[in-house]
Protein backbone atom coordinates (compact mmCIF):
# COMPACT_ATOMS: atom_id res chain seq x y z
CA MET A 1 -5.83 -0.33 -5.94
CA ALA A 2 -4.61 -3.67 -7.17
CA LEU A 3 -0.94 -4.50 -7.38
CA ALA A 4 0.67 -3.35 -10.60
CA GLY A 5 4.21 -3.77 -11.85
CA LYS A 6 4.57 -0.06 -12.54
CA HIS A 7 6.96 1.73 -10.19
CA GLN A 8 5.78 5.33 -9.62
CA PHE A 9 7.97 8.08 -8.21
CA GLY A 10 7.16 11.58 -7.09
CA ASP A 11 7.28 13.76 -4.02
CA ILE A 12 5.14 14.39 -0.99
CA ASN A 13 5.74 17.66 0.83
CA GLY A 14 9.11 18.08 -0.89
CA THR A 15 10.40 14.58 -0.07
CA ARG A 16 11.06 12.08 -2.88
CA VAL A 17 8.91 8.98 -2.54
CA THR A 18 7.89 5.81 -4.26
CA PHE A 19 4.11 5.93 -4.48
CA VAL A 20 2.43 2.92 -2.97
CA GLU A 21 -1.07 4.04 -3.88
CA LYS A 22 -2.67 7.18 -5.23
CA GLY A 23 -6.24 8.14 -4.48
CA ALA A 24 -6.68 5.89 -1.45
CA THR A 25 -9.64 6.27 0.90
CA ALA A 26 -8.97 7.14 4.54
CA GLU A 27 -9.48 3.51 5.61
CA ARG A 28 -7.17 2.19 2.88
CA MET A 29 -4.54 4.81 3.72
CA GLU A 30 -4.58 3.78 7.41
CA PHE A 31 -4.31 0.09 6.47
CA LEU A 32 -1.31 0.70 4.18
CA LYS A 33 0.36 3.09 6.63
CA ASP A 34 0.08 0.60 9.52
CA LEU A 35 1.28 -2.31 7.39
CA LEU A 36 4.25 -0.48 5.87
CA GLU A 37 5.36 1.17 9.13
CA HIS A 38 5.23 -2.25 10.80
CA ASN A 39 7.62 -3.44 8.07
CA GLY A 40 10.07 -0.62 8.77
CA PHE A 41 9.20 1.90 6.05
CA GLU A 42 8.89 5.62 6.53
CA VAL A 43 5.43 6.40 5.15
CA LEU A 44 4.36 9.83 3.92
CA VAL A 45 0.74 10.72 3.19
CA ALA A 46 -0.69 13.68 1.30
CA GLU A 47 -4.32 14.62 1.03
CA LYS A 48 -5.37 15.10 -2.58
CA LYS A 49 -7.06 18.34 -3.55
CA LYS A 50 -10.79 18.03 -4.05
CA LYS A 51 -12.35 19.24 -7.28
CA ASN A 52 -15.71 19.71 -5.55
CA GLU A 53 -16.55 20.06 -1.88
CA ASP A 54 -18.81 17.00 -2.13
CA ASP A 55 -15.99 14.72 -3.33
CA PRO A 56 -14.61 12.22 -0.80
CA THR A 57 -11.23 12.90 0.77
CA LEU A 58 -8.54 10.82 -0.95
CA TYR A 59 -4.87 10.36 -0.12
CA ASP A 60 -1.61 9.59 -1.88
CA VAL A 61 0.55 7.15 0.09
CA GLY A 62 4.30 6.87 -0.47
CA VAL A 63 7.43 5.52 1.16
CA THR A 64 10.84 7.15 1.26
CA ASP A 65 12.55 3.93 0.12
CA MET A 66 13.07 4.60 -3.59
CA VAL A 67 13.57 0.93 -4.53
CA PHE A 68 10.34 -0.26 -2.89
CA ASN A 69 7.90 -1.83 -5.33
CA PRO A 70 4.75 -3.26 -3.66
CA THR A 71 4.27 -5.97 -6.29
CA ILE A 72 7.76 -7.36 -5.81
CA TRP A 73 7.61 -7.17 -2.03
CA VAL A 74 4.23 -8.94 -1.83
CA TYR A 75 5.04 -11.74 -4.28
CA GLU A 76 8.53 -12.30 -2.86
CA ARG A 77 6.93 -12.50 0.60
CA LYS A 78 8.98 -9.67 2.08
CA LEU A 79 6.05 -7.94 3.83
CA PHE A 80 4.63 -9.33 7.05
CA THR A 81 1.51 -8.79 9.11
CA LYS A 82 1.72 -7.87 12.79
CA ASP A 83 1.35 -11.55 13.70
CA GLY A 84 4.35 -12.48 11.54
CA LYS A 85 2.58 -14.00 8.53
CA ALA A 86 3.56 -13.15 4.95
CA VAL A 87 1.27 -10.68 3.18
CA THR A 88 -0.56 -12.16 0.19
CA HIS A 89 -2.05 -10.19 -2.68
CA GLN A 90 -5.55 -10.79 -1.28
CA TYR A 91 -4.45 -9.40 2.08
CA TRP A 92 -2.83 -6.41 0.34
CA ASP A 93 -6.01 -5.75 -1.67
CA GLN A 94 -8.08 -6.23 1.50
CA THR A 95 -10.31 -8.82 -0.15
CA HIS A 96 -9.40 -11.50 2.42
CA THR A 97 -7.78 -11.43 5.82
CA HIS A 98 -6.14 -14.82 5.39
CA THR A 99 -2.43 -15.03 4.73
CA LYS A 100 -2.24 -18.55 3.42
CA PRO A 101 0.83 -18.47 1.18
CA GLN A 102 -0.66 -20.36 -1.77
CA TYR A 103 -1.76 -17.26 -3.64
CA TRP A 104 -2.65 -19.31 -6.71
CA GLU A 105 -5.45 -21.16 -4.90
CA LYS A 106 -8.96 -19.80 -5.28
CA HIS A 107 -10.58 -18.95 -1.95
CA LYS A 108 -14.29 -18.64 -1.31
């Protein structure tokens, strides 16, 4: 899911959360959980109910910090990778692994 300015609230297992992403795959959920926990957030994950047994398993990912907005934190360079580099929107979207801070440059 791409970054969006919309700030979504809800609850996971009875705890109020700010949703980071809804309908994430297992791989995406693990990526977000690792990244956010590394940055000091308490991450809660809930498996979404399947409509059919053949549907893939999807997850809702949220943090207990009610003022967290992923768009703001990424573009203000407040999130960091495990090697200490600022997270870019390409890194967040998992389209590139680079963390070069010039997000406006086009990368091939």
